[in-house]
């Protein structure tokens, strides 16, 4: 739906009672203008409550929602000061030698303060709302206890192993993570950072920098007392699915990203608003797709209305397959996924695209018709 200049739209969002809980986000999506509007900040987090149904320990923890956006400093006279403020790494990061023209804010603030008490556990929900930049988040000398990726609780498909402990985590544009963070036991300081991300020979610079300062102090506000509200039992408990046969079968559909000086393509085609669907999918089924990257830069693949299991990268099994809705596709490589089209609420004409929105705006998007 499009709001014309000076007009307004009213939405009624009906959340199914069995909808999985987790962190989602919303943003404007006008083809040709998506990149600029999201860069200007037209986005926000959307949380479906009830994550404690799958990770009960988070119910009593302080929750922080961290929306990480990029700001354009290419023509900003204060650009050197802004780069210095977030301590942009000067060492080479990948093959791009372009000037760093983006720095990150957290909830609209450049390098804000996050306070924790020594030993405190907090529940952080992080979304990469940048239109065209990756972040590889880490809190040095700390581990993130991940509860959900891309609004999808790990425990839903793997109740025996409901969390993952990681030292750092790559979030492509549109990627989300929900994790328990434990403060160090003694007073001190640290920093939430993004590490260098090599985006390829034709990619944009993504050097390391500081996202936020984190202080561990007994003067910080104490953790909330008592347990938060618990989720309703109407949420689907768990889903055990055997996808091995489908994983071994040839892909039913291949998505090939490519680019040249004239634009960006999926399977050699640029998106057109009045064009037919590139593929069709039957609601109620799983499907094996392969996403290939025939270019010299990273591309994050995203599909609307569905999650998928990522289990192969460059034809090699991943050690810890996860369910996502946005996945990084390596330079000159591929990922294999099992699409989950079983939710009966999926319907109609939809899209999949590269979530570097300047690429999507220039043609790297295609239609899918759910039947």
Foldseek 3Di string as FASTA:
>chain_A
DDADVPGDDDDDDDDDLQDFWFKAKDFDDDQLCRQVRLLVPRMDIDTDDFLCLQVVVQQQAAEAEWEKEKHFCPPPPCVVVLCVQFVFDPDDFAQDPDDDGIDIEIPPHAAAEAEAAAFGKHKYKYAHSYQAAKFWKAWPPWWWWWQDKARHGCCQAPVVRRTDIGRIGIAGHRIITITMTTHHRDWDKTFIKGDRDHFFNPGDGHHITTHYIYTHHPPPDDGDPDGHDHRDPSHDNHDHDDCVVQVPDPFPEEWEWDADPQAIETVPFFDDPPDDFPEEDEAQDKGKYKYFYAYGGKWKKAWPPWWKWWADKQNHGDPDIDIHRIGIHDHRIMIMIIIHRHPPVDAAKTKMFTSSSVRNSRGGMGIYHYD
